C-alpha atoms as a PDB file:
ATOM      1  CA  PRO A   1       0.806  -0.651  17.976  1.00  0.00           C
ATOM      2  CA  CYS A   2       0.170  -3.957  16.284  1.00  0.00           C
ATOM      3  CA  GLY A   3       0.069  -3.828  12.487  1.00  0.00           C
ATOM      4  CA  PHE A   4      -2.830  -6.287  12.456  1.00  0.00           C
ATOM      5  CA  CYS A   5      -5.196  -5.050  15.174  1.00  0.00           C
ATOM      6  CA  GLY A   6      -3.781  -1.719  16.356  1.00  0.00           C
ATOM      7  CA  GLY A   7      -3.498  -2.986  19.923  1.00  0.00           C
ATOM      8  CA  SER A   8      -0.470  -2.757  22.164  1.00  0.00           C
ATOM      9  CA  ASP A   9      -0.233  -6.283  23.592  1.00  0.00           C
ATOM     10  CA  CYS A  10       0.707  -8.251  20.469  1.00  0.00           C
ATOM     11  CA  GLN A  11       4.251  -9.493  19.954  1.00  0.00           C
ATOM     12  CA  LEU A  12       6.191 -10.144  16.748  1.00  0.00           C
ATOM     13  CA  ALA A  13       9.046 -12.553  16.231  1.00  0.00           C
ATOM     14  CA  MET A  14      11.027 -13.882  13.291  1.00  0.00           C
ATOM     15  CA  LYS A  15      11.170 -17.664  13.190  1.00  0.00           C
ATOM     16  CA  GLY A  16      13.350 -18.871  10.372  1.00  0.00           C
ATOM     17  CA  GLN A  17      12.182 -16.915   7.347  1.00  0.00           C
ATOM     18  CA  LYS A  18       8.676 -16.269   8.690  1.00  0.00           C
ATOM     19  CA  TRP A  19       7.184 -13.650  10.951  1.00  0.00           C
ATOM     20  CA  THR A  20       4.940 -14.879  13.736  1.00  0.00           C
ATOM     21  CA  SER A  21       2.593 -12.809  15.855  1.00  0.00           C
ATOM     22  CA  THR A  22       0.582 -13.362  18.999  1.00  0.00           C
ATOM     23  CA  CYS A  23      -2.225 -11.266  17.475  1.00  0.00           C
ATOM     24  CA  SER A  24      -5.485 -13.134  16.957  1.00  0.00           C
ATOM     25  CA  LEU A  25      -5.975 -11.189  13.703  1.00  0.00           C
ATOM     26  CA  SER A  26      -2.573 -12.082  12.243  1.00  0.00           C
ATOM     27  CA  TYR A  27      -2.239 -13.863   8.926  1.00  0.00           C
ATOM     28  CA  ASN A  28       0.603 -15.215   6.819  1.00  0.00           C
ATOM     29  CA  PHE A  29       2.223 -12.857   4.348  1.00  0.00           C
ATOM     30  CA  ARG A  30       5.436 -12.496   2.403  1.00  0.00           C
ATOM     31  CA  ALA A  31       7.332  -9.474   3.639  1.00  0.00           C
ATOM     32  CA  SER A  32       9.058  -9.120   0.271  1.00  0.00           C
ATOM     33  CA  THR A  33       5.773  -8.521  -1.550  1.00  0.00           C
ATOM     34  CA  ALA A  34       3.774  -7.031   1.330  1.00  0.00           C
ATOM     35  CA  GLY A  35       6.432  -4.336   1.648  1.00  0.00           C
ATOM     36  CA  GLN A  36       5.488  -2.896  -1.747  1.00  0.00           C
ATOM     37  CA  SER A  37       2.583  -0.473  -2.052  1.00  0.00           C
ATOM     38  CA  THR A  38       0.328  -1.079  -5.050  1.00  0.00           C
ATOM     39  CA  ASP A  39      -3.180   0.016  -5.983  1.00  0.00           C
ATOM     40  CA  LYS A  40      -4.461  -3.472  -5.119  1.00  0.00           C
ATOM     41  CA  CYS A  41      -2.486  -3.749  -1.840  1.00  0.00           C
ATOM     42  CA  PRO A  42      -1.775  -0.165  -0.780  1.00  0.00           C
ATOM     43  CA  SER A  43      -0.119  -0.710   2.610  1.00  0.00           C
ATOM     44  CA  SER A  44       3.581  -1.534   2.889  1.00  0.00           C
ATOM     45  CA  ASN A  45       3.349  -1.782   6.681  1.00  0.00           C
ATOM     46  CA  ILE A  46       5.523  -4.787   7.497  1.00  0.00           C
ATOM     47  CA  PRO A  47       7.674  -5.760  10.480  1.00  0.00           C
ATOM     48  CA  ILE A  48      11.202  -4.394  10.201  1.00  0.00           C
ATOM     49  CA  ILE A  49      14.204  -5.100  12.395  1.00  0.00           C
ATOM     50  CA  CYS A  50      15.938  -1.927  13.568  1.00  0.00           C
ATOM     51  CA  LYS A  51      19.443  -1.649  12.149  1.00  0.00           C
ATOM     52  CA  LEU A  52      20.665   1.199  14.339  1.00  0.00           C
ATOM     53  CA  ASP A  53      23.343   0.745  16.983  1.00  0.00           C
ATOM     54  CA  GLY A  54      22.783  -2.999  17.309  1.00  0.00           C
ATOM     55  CA  CYS A  55      19.211  -2.343  18.459  1.00  0.00           C
ATOM     56  CA  ARG A  56      17.540  -5.269  16.633  1.00  0.00           C
ATOM     57  CA  GLU A  57      14.067  -4.368  17.986  1.00  0.00           C
ATOM     58  CA  VAL A  58      11.196  -5.248  15.659  1.00  0.00           C
ATOM     59  CA  HIS A  59       8.611  -2.610  14.811  1.00  0.00           C
ATOM     60  CA  TRP A  60       5.983  -2.173  12.154  1.00  0.00           C
ATOM     61  CA  LYS A  61       7.146   0.148   9.392  1.00  0.00           C
ATOM     62  CA  TYR A  62       4.475   2.754  10.108  1.00  0.00           C
ATOM     63  CA  ASN A  63       5.615   2.875  13.757  1.00  0.00           C
ATOM     64  CA  PHE A  64       9.298   3.414  12.997  1.00  0.00           C
ATOM     65  CA  PRO A  65       9.354   7.231  13.211  1.00  0.00           C
ATOM     66  CA  LYS A  66       8.154   6.951  16.825  1.00  0.00           C
ATOM     67  CA  HIS A  67      10.728   4.230  17.589  1.00  0.00           C
ATOM     68  CA  LEU A  68      13.541   6.358  16.168  1.00  0.00           C
ATOM     69  CA  GLU A  69      12.382   9.363  18.174  1.00  0.00           C
ATOM     70  CA  LYS A  70      12.099   7.415  21.444  1.00  0.00           C
ATOM     71  CA  ARG A  71      15.090   5.076  21.271  1.00  0.00           C
ATOM     72  CA  HIS A  72      17.670   6.694  19.014  1.00  0.00           C
ATOM     73  CA  ALA A  73      18.318  10.342  19.797  1.00  0.00           C
ATOM     74  CA  GLY A  74      20.269  11.837  16.917  1.00  0.00           C
ATOM     75  CA  TRP A  75      19.303   9.006  14.562  1.00  0.00           C
ATOM     76  CA  GLN A  76      19.457  11.431  11.635  1.00  0.00           C
ATOM     77  CA  ASP A  77      23.246  11.587  12.035  1.00  0.00           C
ATOM     78  CA  THR A  78      23.853   7.835  12.004  1.00  0.00           C
ATOM     79  CA  ILE A  79      21.149   6.214   9.897  1.00  0.00           C
ATOM     80  CA  MET A  80      22.210   4.624   6.630  1.00  0.00           C
ATOM     81  CA  PRO A  81      20.424   5.948   3.523  1.00  0.00           C
ATOM     82  CA  SER A  82      19.458   2.391   2.556  1.00  0.00           C
ATOM     83  CA  PHE A  83      17.667   1.968   5.900  1.00  0.00           C
ATOM     84  CA  VAL A  84      15.863   5.294   5.456  1.00  0.00           C
ATOM     85  CA  ASN A  85      14.707   4.074   2.038  1.00  0.00           C
ATOM     86  CA  GLU A  86      13.455   0.831   3.590  1.00  0.00           C
ATOM     87  CA  LEU A  87      11.420   2.814   6.130  1.00  0.00           C
ATOM     88  CA  GLN A  88      10.063   5.400   3.715  1.00  0.00           C
ATOM     89  CA  VAL A  89       6.338   5.750   3.043  1.00  0.00           C
ATOM     90  CA  SER A  90       5.791   7.679  -0.164  1.00  0.00           C
ATOM     91  CA  ASP A  91       3.208  10.362  -0.770  1.00  0.00           C
ATOM     92  CA  GLU A  92       1.597   7.970  -3.254  1.00  0.00           C
ATOM     93  CA  GLU A  93       1.281   5.233  -0.624  1.00  0.00           C
ATOM     94  CA  GLN A  94      -0.160   7.711   1.855  1.00  0.00           C
ATOM     95  CA  ARG A  95      -2.748   8.622  -0.793  1.00  0.00           C
ATOM     96  CA  ARG A  96      -3.489   4.951  -1.486  1.00  0.00           C
ATOM     97  CA  ILE A  97      -4.144   4.163   2.178  1.00  0.00           C
ATOM     98  CA  GLY A  98      -6.563   7.060   2.413  1.00  0.00           C
ATOM     99  CA  ILE A  99      -4.615   9.871   4.054  1.00  0.00           C
ATOM    100  CA  ARG A 100      -6.182  13.139   2.966  1.00  0.00           C
ATOM    101  CA  ASP A 101      -4.074  15.511   0.869  1.00  0.00           C
ATOM    102  CA  ASP A 102      -3.934  18.115   3.633  1.00  0.00           C
ATOM    103  CA  LEU A 103      -2.631  15.541   6.144  1.00  0.00           C
ATOM    104  CA  ARG A 104       0.067  13.854   4.040  1.00  0.00           C
ATOM    105  CA  ARG A 105       3.611  14.706   5.094  1.00  0.00           C
ATOM    106  CA  PRO A 106       7.138  13.587   4.252  1.00  0.00           C
ATOM    107  CA  TRP A 107       7.690  10.389   6.244  1.00  0.00           C
ATOM    108  CA  LEU A 108      11.316  10.716   7.341  1.00  0.00           C
ATOM    109  CA  VAL A 109      13.273  13.921   6.968  1.00  0.00           C
ATOM    110  CA  VAL A 110      17.041  13.600   7.264  1.00  0.00           C
ATOM    111  CA  PRO A 111      19.222  16.727   7.499  1.00  0.00           C
ATOM    112  CA  VAL A 112      22.176  16.926   5.146  1.00  0.00           C
ATOM    113  CA  THR A 113      24.805  19.690   5.274  1.00  0.00           C
ATOM    114  CA  GLY A 114      22.602  22.295   6.858  1.00  0.00           C
ATOM    115  CA  SER A 115      19.514  21.545   4.800  1.00  0.00           C
ATOM    116  CA  LYS A 116      16.856  18.905   5.029  1.00  0.00           C
ATOM    117  CA  ARG A 117      16.372  16.216   2.483  1.00  0.00           C
ATOM    118  CA  ILE A 118      13.717  13.590   2.148  1.00  0.00           C
ATOM    119  CA  LEU A 119      14.994  10.177   1.208  1.00  0.00           C
END
């Protein structure tokens, strides 16, 4: 879904150093600052280019778990920790955007040597 309107018809593209969208509700933002959750701006939902297996598809951060599940079977075995960190949505951010305590969950769980770890 679109990170601006929630619809499914909007497209994202990187042009130079700027993101453009076909969404009528889109607005200009700096991904470097918009990607940080703060009390004033709680959402870090920004477009991110997939770095797995030369994929290069663009998805909104909050949609990435679904993308990984659909397009990259076994992603847990090949994903770089730095990319997991880029995709992570902390418990604090989930609280800031209004997810109830009983509904908050670890965002991405990556198995390591027989156990699961959250990056």
